[in-house]
Amino acid sequence: MQYTSHYESPVGGILLAADRVGLTGLWFDGEKYYANRLDPEHEERNLPVFEDVKRWLTIYFSGREPDFMPPLHVIGSTFQLAVWEILRKIPYGKTMTYGEIAKIIAKQQGLPRMSAQAVGGAVGHNEISIIIPCHRVVGTNGSLTGYAGGIDKKVKLLNLEKADMEQLFVPKKGTAL
């Protein structure tokens, strides 16, 4: 059984989902894959995990890096889990490219190379936005592309973290706008 709660952030409403293990979803209202893995039968309930997540988000949106991790229950394929684990290691205020992640995955799997597009698919289907920081992933050329929550939110989150935005840009056209 999954449970839900809501959080109002400075960049819009957020739906939280959890089970008895931990947080299973964190989606911006109206995002591309909104509530993608939310059980059809769920109920709104105040759980301790939601209090932890809301405290984490409040610290984060105050412009500080939280010093704890709320309990997570990350659900995905082996490949997705590997990509999401790399996302969790991207430092606060830093970015990494899809290609860099692809190289790490290829090395982990003993492959000569890995598709950056495959990595992009896994990044785009991250169910726990912000906490698993998919907003910190950028195109090789500095393009701020590929954020299911919307490019405007990606820019706001990176600015909040005081990331170096000098070489980054919003593409004029593309699928993630």
N, C-alpha and C. Protein backbone atom coordinates (compact mmCIF):
# COMPACT_ATOMS: atom_id res chain seq x y z
N MET A 1 0.84 -1.19 0.00
CA MET A 1 0.00 0.00 0.00
C MET A 1 0.89 1.24 0.00
N GLN A 2 0.53 2.20 -0.84
CA GLN A 2 1.24 3.47 -0.86
C GLN A 2 0.36 4.55 -0.25
N TYR A 3 1.05 5.55 0.28
CA TYR A 3 0.40 6.68 0.92
C TYR A 3 0.94 7.95 0.28
N THR A 4 0.18 9.01 0.34
CA THR A 4 0.61 10.26 -0.28
C THR A 4 0.50 11.42 0.70
N SER A 5 1.23 12.47 0.36
CA SER A 5 1.18 13.72 1.08
C SER A 5 1.60 14.80 0.09
N HIS A 6 1.33 16.04 0.44
CA HIS A 6 1.67 17.15 -0.46
C HIS A 6 2.60 18.13 0.26
N TYR A 7 3.42 18.79 -0.54
CA TYR A 7 4.36 19.79 -0.03
C TYR A 7 4.34 20.97 -1.00
N GLU A 8 4.20 22.16 -0.46
CA GLU A 8 4.25 23.37 -1.29
C GLU A 8 5.67 23.92 -1.24
N SER A 9 6.33 23.89 -2.38
CA SER A 9 7.71 24.38 -2.47
C SER A 9 7.73 25.74 -3.14
N PRO A 10 8.85 26.44 -3.07
CA PRO A 10 8.98 27.72 -3.78
C PRO A 10 8.90 27.59 -5.30
N VAL A 11 9.04 26.37 -5.83
CA VAL A 11 8.96 26.18 -7.28
C VAL A 11 7.70 25.41 -7.68
N GLY A 12 6.75 25.27 -6.77
CA GLY A 12 5.48 24.63 -7.10
C GLY A 12 5.14 23.48 -6.18
N GLY A 13 3.92 22.98 -6.34
CA GLY A 13 3.44 21.88 -5.53
C GLY A 13 4.17 20.58 -5.84
N ILE A 14 4.30 19.77 -4.80
CA ILE A 14 5.00 18.49 -4.91
C ILE A 14 4.12 17.41 -4.29
N LEU A 15 3.97 16.30 -5.00
CA LEU A 15 3.28 15.12 -4.48
C LEU A 15 4.34 14.15 -3.97
N LEU A 16 4.17 13.70 -2.75
CA LEU A 16 5.05 12.70 -2.15
C LEU A 16 4.30 11.39 -2.05
N ALA A 17 5.00 10.28 -2.28
CA ALA A 17 4.41 8.95 -2.11
C ALA A 17 5.39 8.09 -1.33
N ALA A 18 4.86 7.22 -0.50
CA ALA A 18 5.71 6.34 0.30
C ALA A 18 4.95 5.07 0.62
N ASP A 19 5.72 4.06 0.98
CA ASP A 19 5.14 2.85 1.55
C ASP A 19 5.77 2.69 2.94
N ARG A 20 5.61 1.55 3.54
CA ARG A 20 6.13 1.36 4.90
C ARG A 20 7.66 1.31 4.95
N VAL A 21 8.32 1.16 3.77
CA VAL A 21 9.78 1.09 3.71
C VAL A 21 10.39 2.49 3.62
N GLY A 22 9.82 3.34 2.76
CA GLY A 22 10.37 4.67 2.58
C GLY A 22 9.69 5.41 1.44
N LEU A 23 10.27 6.55 1.08
CA LEU A 23 9.73 7.38 0.01
C LEU A 23 9.85 6.65 -1.32
N THR A 24 8.75 6.58 -2.06
CA THR A 24 8.73 5.92 -3.36
C THR A 24 8.58 6.90 -4.52
N GLY A 25 8.14 8.13 -4.23
CA GLY A 25 7.95 9.10 -5.29
C GLY A 25 7.95 10.52 -4.79
N LEU A 26 8.47 11.43 -5.62
CA LEU A 26 8.44 12.85 -5.35
C LEU A 26 8.32 13.53 -6.72
N TRP A 27 7.14 14.05 -7.01
CA TRP A 27 6.85 14.61 -8.32
C TRP A 27 6.34 16.04 -8.20
N PHE A 28 6.82 16.90 -9.12
CA PHE A 28 6.26 18.24 -9.23
C PHE A 28 4.88 18.13 -9.87
N ASP A 29 3.94 18.94 -9.40
CA ASP A 29 2.62 18.99 -10.03
C ASP A 29 2.79 19.24 -11.52
N GLY A 30 2.15 18.41 -12.33
CA GLY A 30 2.14 18.60 -13.78
C GLY A 30 3.37 18.11 -14.51
N GLU A 31 4.30 17.44 -13.84
CA GLU A 31 5.50 17.00 -14.54
C GLU A 31 5.19 15.86 -15.51
N LYS A 32 6.13 15.58 -16.39
CA LYS A 32 5.93 14.64 -17.49
C LYS A 32 5.49 13.25 -17.01
N TYR A 33 6.12 12.70 -16.01
CA TYR A 33 5.79 11.35 -15.54
C TYR A 33 5.12 11.40 -14.17
N TYR A 34 4.26 12.37 -13.98
CA TYR A 34 3.60 12.62 -12.69
C TYR A 34 2.95 11.34 -12.16
N ALA A 35 3.33 10.97 -10.95
CA ALA A 35 2.77 9.82 -10.24
C ALA A 35 2.81 8.54 -11.07
N ASN A 36 3.86 8.40 -11.87
CA ASN A 36 3.99 7.28 -12.79
C ASN A 36 3.89 5.92 -12.10
N ARG A 37 4.52 5.78 -10.96
CA ARG A 37 4.51 4.49 -10.26
C ARG A 37 3.68 4.52 -8.98
N LEU A 38 2.75 5.42 -8.92
CA LEU A 38 1.87 5.48 -7.75
C LEU A 38 0.79 4.43 -7.90
N ASP A 39 0.62 3.62 -6.86
CA ASP A 39 -0.44 2.60 -6.89
C ASP A 39 -1.79 3.26 -7.13
N PRO A 40 -2.63 2.68 -8.00
CA PRO A 40 -3.95 3.25 -8.21
C PRO A 40 -4.75 3.38 -6.91
N GLU A 41 -4.56 2.41 -6.02
CA GLU A 41 -5.23 2.47 -4.71
C GLU A 41 -4.20 2.93 -3.69
N HIS A 42 -4.33 4.17 -3.28
CA HIS A 42 -3.45 4.76 -2.28
C HIS A 42 -4.29 5.69 -1.43
N GLU A 43 -3.73 6.10 -0.32
CA GLU A 43 -4.49 7.04 0.51
C GLU A 43 -3.57 8.10 1.09
N GLU A 44 -4.14 9.26 1.31
CA GLU A 44 -3.38 10.34 1.92
C GLU A 44 -3.28 10.05 3.41
N ARG A 45 -2.06 10.11 3.92
CA ARG A 45 -1.84 9.81 5.33
C ARG A 45 -0.54 10.48 5.77
N ASN A 46 -0.52 10.92 7.00
CA ASN A 46 0.69 11.51 7.55
C ASN A 46 1.55 10.39 8.12
N LEU A 47 2.70 10.14 7.50
CA LEU A 47 3.63 9.12 7.97
C LEU A 47 4.92 9.79 8.43
N PRO A 48 5.66 9.16 9.33
CA PRO A 48 6.95 9.73 9.75
C PRO A 48 7.89 10.02 8.58
N VAL A 49 7.88 9.17 7.55
CA VAL A 49 8.75 9.40 6.40
C VAL A 49 8.42 10.73 5.73
N PHE A 50 7.15 11.09 5.69
CA PHE A 50 6.78 12.37 5.08
C PHE A 50 7.29 13.55 5.90
N GLU A 51 7.28 13.41 7.21
CA GLU A 51 7.84 14.47 8.05
C GLU A 51 9.33 14.63 7.78
N ASP A 52 10.05 13.50 7.64
CA ASP A 52 11.49 13.55 7.31
C ASP A 52 11.72 14.21 5.95
N VAL A 53 10.93 13.81 4.96
CA VAL A 53 11.10 14.36 3.61
C VAL A 53 10.78 15.86 3.60
N LYS A 54 9.73 16.26 4.27
CA LYS A 54 9.36 17.69 4.30
C LYS A 54 10.44 18.51 5.02
N ARG A 55 11.03 17.94 6.05
CA ARG A 55 12.12 18.63 6.75
C ARG A 55 13.32 18.75 5.81
N TRP A 56 13.62 17.67 5.07
CA TRP A 56 14.72 17.67 4.10
C TRP A 56 14.46 18.75 3.04
N LEU A 57 13.24 18.78 2.49
CA LEU A 57 12.90 19.76 1.46
C LEU A 57 12.96 21.19 1.97
N THR A 58 12.52 21.41 3.20
CA THR A 58 12.56 22.75 3.78
C THR A 58 14.00 23.24 3.90
N ILE A 59 14.89 22.38 4.35
CA ILE A 59 16.32 22.73 4.42
C ILE A 59 16.84 23.01 3.02
N TYR A 60 16.53 22.11 2.08
CA TYR A 60 17.01 22.26 0.70
C TYR A 60 16.54 23.59 0.10
N PHE A 61 15.25 23.88 0.21
CA PHE A 61 14.72 25.10 -0.39
C PHE A 61 15.14 26.37 0.35
N SER A 62 15.77 26.22 1.51
CA SER A 62 16.33 27.39 2.19
C SER A 62 17.72 27.72 1.63
N GLY A 63 18.19 26.89 0.67
CA GLY A 63 19.48 27.14 0.05
C GLY A 63 20.64 26.42 0.71
N ARG A 64 20.31 25.45 1.55
CA ARG A 64 21.36 24.68 2.24
C ARG A 64 21.27 23.21 1.83
N GLU A 65 22.40 22.53 1.90
CA GLU A 65 22.42 21.10 1.61
C GLU A 65 22.00 20.34 2.87
N PRO A 66 20.94 19.54 2.79
CA PRO A 66 20.53 18.74 3.96
C PRO A 66 21.65 17.78 4.36
N ASP A 67 21.80 17.57 5.67
CA ASP A 67 22.86 16.71 6.17
C ASP A 67 22.36 15.32 6.57
N PHE A 68 21.21 14.94 6.04
CA PHE A 68 20.66 13.61 6.30
C PHE A 68 19.88 13.16 5.08
N MET A 69 19.60 11.88 5.01
CA MET A 69 18.82 11.33 3.90
C MET A 69 17.59 10.66 4.48
N PRO A 70 16.40 11.08 4.02
CA PRO A 70 15.19 10.39 4.49
C PRO A 70 15.17 8.96 3.95
N PRO A 71 14.41 8.08 4.56
CA PRO A 71 14.35 6.70 4.07
C PRO A 71 13.74 6.67 2.66
N LEU A 72 14.43 6.00 1.75
CA LEU A 72 13.96 5.88 0.38
C LEU A 72 13.65 4.41 0.07
N HIS A 73 12.67 4.19 -0.79
CA HIS A 73 12.37 2.87 -1.33
C HIS A 73 12.36 3.04 -2.85
N VAL A 74 13.55 2.94 -3.43
CA VAL A 74 13.74 3.18 -4.85
C VAL A 74 13.41 1.90 -5.62
N ILE A 75 12.49 2.01 -6.56
CA ILE A 75 12.02 0.84 -7.30
C ILE A 75 12.28 1.08 -8.79
N GLY A 76 13.01 0.15 -9.42
CA GLY A 76 13.30 0.26 -10.84
C GLY A 76 14.07 -0.95 -11.32
N SER A 77 14.43 -0.93 -12.60
CA SER A 77 15.23 -2.02 -13.17
C SER A 77 16.65 -1.94 -12.62
N THR A 78 17.42 -2.98 -12.82
CA THR A 78 18.80 -3.00 -12.37
C THR A 78 19.57 -1.82 -12.99
N PHE A 79 19.34 -1.57 -14.27
CA PHE A 79 20.00 -0.47 -14.97
C PHE A 79 19.58 0.87 -14.37
N GLN A 80 18.29 1.07 -14.18
CA GLN A 80 17.82 2.33 -13.59
C GLN A 80 18.41 2.54 -12.21
N LEU A 81 18.40 1.51 -11.39
CA LEU A 81 18.95 1.63 -10.03
C LEU A 81 20.43 2.02 -10.06
N ALA A 82 21.18 1.48 -11.02
CA ALA A 82 22.60 1.82 -11.15
C ALA A 82 22.77 3.29 -11.52
N VAL A 83 21.96 3.76 -12.46
CA VAL A 83 22.02 5.16 -12.87
C VAL A 83 21.62 6.06 -11.70
N TRP A 84 20.54 5.74 -11.02
CA TRP A 84 20.06 6.57 -9.92
C TRP A 84 21.06 6.62 -8.77
N GLU A 85 21.80 5.53 -8.57
CA GLU A 85 22.82 5.53 -7.53
C GLU A 85 23.93 6.53 -7.87
N ILE A 86 24.28 6.61 -9.15
CA ILE A 86 25.27 7.61 -9.57
C ILE A 86 24.72 9.02 -9.35
N LEU A 87 23.45 9.23 -9.66
CA LEU A 87 22.84 10.55 -9.44
C LEU A 87 22.97 10.96 -7.99
N ARG A 88 22.77 10.03 -7.09
CA ARG A 88 22.84 10.34 -5.65
C ARG A 88 24.23 10.79 -5.23
N LYS A 89 25.24 10.47 -6.03
CA LYS A 89 26.62 10.82 -5.70
C LYS A 89 27.06 12.14 -6.33
N ILE A 90 26.22 12.76 -7.16
CA ILE A 90 26.60 14.05 -7.73
C ILE A 90 26.52 15.08 -6.61
N PRO A 91 27.62 15.75 -6.34
CA PRO A 91 27.63 16.70 -5.22
C PRO A 91 26.65 17.85 -5.41
N TYR A 92 26.14 18.32 -4.31
CA TYR A 92 25.28 19.51 -4.25
C TYR A 92 25.97 20.65 -4.98
N GLY A 93 25.25 21.30 -5.88
CA GLY A 93 25.79 22.45 -6.60
C GLY A 93 26.69 22.10 -7.78
N LYS A 94 26.83 20.84 -8.10
CA LYS A 94 27.65 20.39 -9.23
C LYS A 94 26.76 19.74 -10.28
N THR A 95 27.29 19.59 -11.47
CA THR A 95 26.56 18.90 -12.54
C THR A 95 27.44 17.80 -13.12
N MET A 96 26.79 16.89 -13.83
CA MET A 96 27.46 15.79 -14.51
C MET A 96 26.72 15.59 -15.83
N THR A 97 27.41 15.14 -16.85
CA THR A 97 26.74 14.93 -18.14
C THR A 97 26.21 13.50 -18.25
N TYR A 98 25.26 13.34 -19.18
CA TYR A 98 24.74 12.01 -19.47
C TYR A 98 25.88 11.10 -19.94
N GLY A 99 26.80 11.66 -20.74
CA GLY A 99 27.94 10.89 -21.23
C GLY A 99 28.86 10.43 -20.12
N GLU A 100 29.10 11.28 -19.14
CA GLU A 100 29.94 10.89 -18.00
C GLU A 100 29.30 9.74 -17.23
N ILE A 101 27.99 9.82 -17.03
CA ILE A 101 27.28 8.73 -16.35
C ILE A 101 27.36 7.45 -17.18
N ALA A 102 27.20 7.58 -18.50
CA ALA A 102 27.27 6.42 -19.39
C ALA A 102 28.64 5.73 -19.27
N LYS A 103 29.71 6.51 -19.18
CA LYS A 103 31.05 5.93 -19.04
C LYS A 103 31.18 5.16 -17.73
N ILE A 104 30.63 5.71 -16.66
CA ILE A 104 30.69 5.03 -15.36
C ILE A 104 29.92 3.71 -15.42
N ILE A 105 28.72 3.75 -15.98
CA ILE A 105 27.89 2.54 -16.09
C ILE A 105 28.60 1.49 -16.94
N ALA A 106 29.18 1.91 -18.08
CA ALA A 106 29.90 0.98 -18.96
C ALA A 106 31.03 0.30 -18.19
N LYS A 107 31.79 1.09 -17.44
CA LYS A 107 32.89 0.53 -16.66
C LYS A 107 32.38 -0.46 -15.61
N GLN A 108 31.29 -0.08 -14.92
CA GLN A 108 30.71 -0.97 -13.89
C GLN A 108 30.26 -2.29 -14.50
N GLN A 109 29.75 -2.24 -15.73
CA GLN A 109 29.21 -3.45 -16.37
C GLN A 109 30.21 -4.16 -17.26
N GLY A 110 31.45 -3.65 -17.30
CA GLY A 110 32.47 -4.28 -18.12
C GLY A 110 32.21 -4.16 -19.61
N LEU A 111 31.58 -3.06 -20.01
CA LEU A 111 31.26 -2.85 -21.42
C LEU A 111 32.20 -1.81 -22.02
N PRO A 112 32.45 -1.88 -23.33
CA PRO A 112 33.33 -0.87 -23.94
C PRO A 112 32.70 0.52 -23.94
N ARG A 113 31.38 0.59 -24.02
CA ARG A 113 30.68 1.88 -23.95
C ARG A 113 29.21 1.66 -23.63
N MET A 114 28.56 2.75 -23.28
CA MET A 114 27.14 2.71 -22.93
C MET A 114 26.49 3.91 -23.60
N SER A 115 25.26 3.76 -23.99
CA SER A 115 24.52 4.83 -24.65
C SER A 115 24.12 5.93 -23.66
N ALA A 116 24.49 7.17 -24.00
CA ALA A 116 24.06 8.31 -23.18
C ALA A 116 22.55 8.46 -23.25
N GLN A 117 21.94 8.05 -24.37
CA GLN A 117 20.47 8.12 -24.51
C GLN A 117 19.79 7.13 -23.55
N ALA A 118 20.39 5.96 -23.38
CA ALA A 118 19.83 4.99 -22.42
C ALA A 118 19.91 5.55 -21.00
N VAL A 119 21.02 6.19 -20.71
CA VAL A 119 21.18 6.84 -19.41
C VAL A 119 20.11 7.92 -19.26
N GLY A 120 19.90 8.71 -20.32
CA GLY A 120 18.88 9.76 -20.29
C GLY A 120 17.50 9.22 -20.00
N GLY A 121 17.19 8.05 -20.56
CA GLY A 121 15.89 7.43 -20.28
C GLY A 121 15.74 7.08 -18.82
N ALA A 122 16.81 6.54 -18.23
CA ALA A 122 16.76 6.18 -16.81
C ALA A 122 16.68 7.44 -15.95
N VAL A 123 17.46 8.46 -16.29
CA VAL A 123 17.44 9.71 -15.53
C VAL A 123 16.04 10.31 -15.58
N GLY A 124 15.43 10.32 -16.77
CA GLY A 124 14.10 10.90 -16.95
C GLY A 124 13.00 10.18 -16.20
N HIS A 125 13.23 8.91 -15.89
CA HIS A 125 12.20 8.15 -15.17
C HIS A 125 12.50 8.01 -13.68
N ASN A 126 13.39 8.84 -13.18
CA ASN A 126 13.66 8.89 -11.74
C ASN A 126 12.37 9.33 -11.04
N GLU A 127 11.89 8.52 -10.13
CA GLU A 127 10.63 8.80 -9.44
C GLU A 127 10.79 9.71 -8.22
N ILE A 128 12.03 9.94 -7.79
CA ILE A 128 12.24 10.70 -6.56
C ILE A 128 13.08 11.94 -6.89
N SER A 129 12.44 12.89 -7.57
CA SER A 129 13.12 14.12 -7.97
C SER A 129 13.71 14.85 -6.77
N ILE A 130 14.67 15.67 -7.03
CA ILE A 130 15.39 16.52 -6.08
C ILE A 130 16.25 15.69 -5.14
N ILE A 131 15.67 14.78 -4.38
CA ILE A 131 16.44 13.98 -3.43
C ILE A 131 17.41 13.06 -4.18
N ILE A 132 16.93 12.44 -5.27
CA ILE A 132 17.82 11.77 -6.22
C ILE A 132 17.96 12.81 -7.33
N PRO A 133 19.06 13.56 -7.32
CA PRO A 133 19.15 14.83 -8.05
C PRO A 133 19.35 14.73 -9.57
N CYS A 134 18.32 14.33 -10.28
CA CYS A 134 18.40 14.25 -11.73
C CYS A 134 18.51 15.64 -12.36
N HIS A 135 18.17 16.68 -11.62
CA HIS A 135 18.31 18.04 -12.14
C HIS A 135 19.77 18.44 -12.32
N ARG A 136 20.69 17.68 -11.76
CA ARG A 136 22.12 17.98 -11.87
C ARG A 136 22.76 17.35 -13.11
N VAL A 137 21.96 16.71 -13.95
CA VAL A 137 22.49 16.08 -15.16
C VAL A 137 22.22 16.99 -16.36
N VAL A 138 23.27 17.24 -17.13
CA VAL A 138 23.19 18.14 -18.28
C VAL A 138 23.76 17.46 -19.52
N GLY A 139 23.46 18.04 -20.67
CA GLY A 139 24.01 17.55 -21.92
C GLY A 139 25.51 17.82 -22.00
N THR A 140 26.20 17.05 -22.82
CA THR A 140 27.64 17.19 -22.98
C THR A 140 28.03 18.60 -23.40
N ASN A 141 27.18 19.25 -24.17
CA ASN A 141 27.47 20.60 -24.65
C ASN A 141 27.01 21.69 -23.68
N GLY A 142 26.51 21.29 -22.51
CA GLY A 142 26.04 22.26 -21.52
C GLY A 142 24.55 22.54 -21.60
N SER A 143 23.86 21.79 -22.44
CA SER A 143 22.42 21.97 -22.61
C SER A 143 21.66 21.51 -21.37
N LEU A 144 20.77 22.37 -20.89
CA LEU A 144 19.92 22.02 -19.74
C LEU A 144 18.67 21.32 -20.27
N THR A 145 18.85 20.10 -20.64
CA THR A 145 17.77 19.34 -21.27
C THR A 145 17.43 18.12 -20.41
N GLY A 146 16.30 17.53 -20.69
CA GLY A 146 15.98 16.24 -20.10
C GLY A 146 15.44 16.26 -18.69
N TYR A 147 14.72 17.28 -18.28
CA TYR A 147 14.18 17.29 -16.93
C TYR A 147 12.66 17.18 -16.98
N ALA A 148 12.13 16.07 -16.49
CA ALA A 148 10.68 15.82 -16.56
C ALA A 148 9.88 16.88 -15.81
N GLY A 149 10.48 17.50 -14.81
CA GLY A 149 9.80 18.54 -14.05
C GLY A 149 9.71 19.86 -14.78
N GLY A 150 10.46 19.98 -15.88
CA GLY A 150 10.47 21.20 -16.67
C GLY A 150 11.79 21.93 -16.54
N ILE A 151 12.25 22.49 -17.65
CA ILE A 151 13.52 23.19 -17.67
C ILE A 151 13.54 24.37 -16.70
N ASP A 152 12.41 25.06 -16.57
CA ASP A 152 12.36 26.20 -15.64
C ASP A 152 12.68 25.77 -14.22
N LYS A 153 12.17 24.62 -13.80
CA LYS A 153 12.45 24.13 -12.45
C LYS A 153 13.91 23.68 -12.32
N LYS A 154 14.42 23.05 -13.38
CA LYS A 154 15.82 22.62 -13.37
C LYS A 154 16.74 23.82 -13.15
N VAL A 155 16.48 24.90 -13.88
CA VAL A 155 17.27 26.13 -13.74
C VAL A 155 17.15 26.68 -12.32
N LYS A 156 15.95 26.72 -11.78
CA LYS A 156 15.75 27.24 -10.42
C LYS A 156 16.48 26.40 -9.38
N LEU A 157 16.44 25.07 -9.54
CA LEU A 157 17.11 24.20 -8.58
C LEU A 157 18.63 24.37 -8.65
N LEU A 158 19.17 24.44 -9.86
CA LEU A 158 20.62 24.63 -9.99
C LEU A 158 21.04 26.00 -9.46
N ASN A 159 20.23 27.02 -9.71
CA ASN A 159 20.53 28.35 -9.16
C ASN A 159 20.46 28.33 -7.63
N LEU A 160 19.48 27.64 -7.08
CA LEU A 160 19.34 27.53 -5.63
C LEU A 160 20.60 26.91 -5.02
N GLU A 161 21.17 25.92 -5.72
CA GLU A 161 22.38 25.25 -5.25
C GLU A 161 23.65 26.05 -5.58
N LYS A 162 23.47 27.19 -6.24
CA LYS A 162 24.60 28.03 -6.65
C LYS A 162 25.57 27.27 -7.56
N ALA A 163 25.00 26.45 -8.44
CA ALA A 163 25.80 25.72 -9.43
C ALA A 163 26.38 26.73 -10.42
N ASP A 164 27.52 26.40 -10.99
CA ASP A 164 28.14 27.25 -12.00
C ASP A 164 27.33 27.12 -13.29
N MET A 165 26.59 28.17 -13.62
CA MET A 165 25.68 28.15 -14.77
C MET A 165 26.31 28.79 -16.01
N GLU A 166 27.55 29.23 -15.90
CA GLU A 166 28.17 30.00 -16.98
C GLU A 166 28.21 29.25 -18.31
N GLN A 167 28.49 27.96 -18.29
CA GLN A 167 28.59 27.18 -19.53
C GLN A 167 27.30 26.45 -19.88
N LEU A 168 26.25 26.65 -19.09
CA LEU A 168 24.98 25.94 -19.31
C LEU A 168 24.00 26.84 -20.04
N PHE A 169 23.11 26.23 -20.82
CA PHE A 169 22.12 27.00 -21.56
C PHE A 169 20.85 26.19 -21.75
N VAL A 170 19.76 26.93 -21.95
CA VAL A 170 18.47 26.31 -22.24
C VAL A 170 18.38 26.16 -23.75
N PRO A 171 18.13 24.93 -24.24
CA PRO A 171 18.04 24.73 -25.69
C PRO A 171 16.84 25.47 -26.28
N LYS A 172 16.97 25.88 -27.53
CA LYS A 172 15.88 26.60 -28.20
C LYS A 172 14.74 25.67 -28.56
N LYS A 173 15.04 24.40 -28.84
CA LYS A 173 14.00 23.42 -29.13
C LYS A 173 14.47 22.06 -28.66
N GLY A 174 13.52 21.18 -28.44
CA GLY A 174 13.86 19.84 -27.98
C GLY A 174 12.68 19.20 -27.28
N THR A 175 12.84 17.94 -26.93
CA THR A 175 11.74 17.19 -26.35
C THR A 175 11.52 17.47 -24.88
N ALA A 176 12.49 18.04 -24.20
CA ALA A 176 12.37 18.21 -22.76
C ALA A 176 11.98 19.63 -22.36
N LEU A 177 11.49 20.40 -23.28
CA LEU A 177 11.12 21.79 -22.94
C LEU A 177 9.70 21.90 -22.47
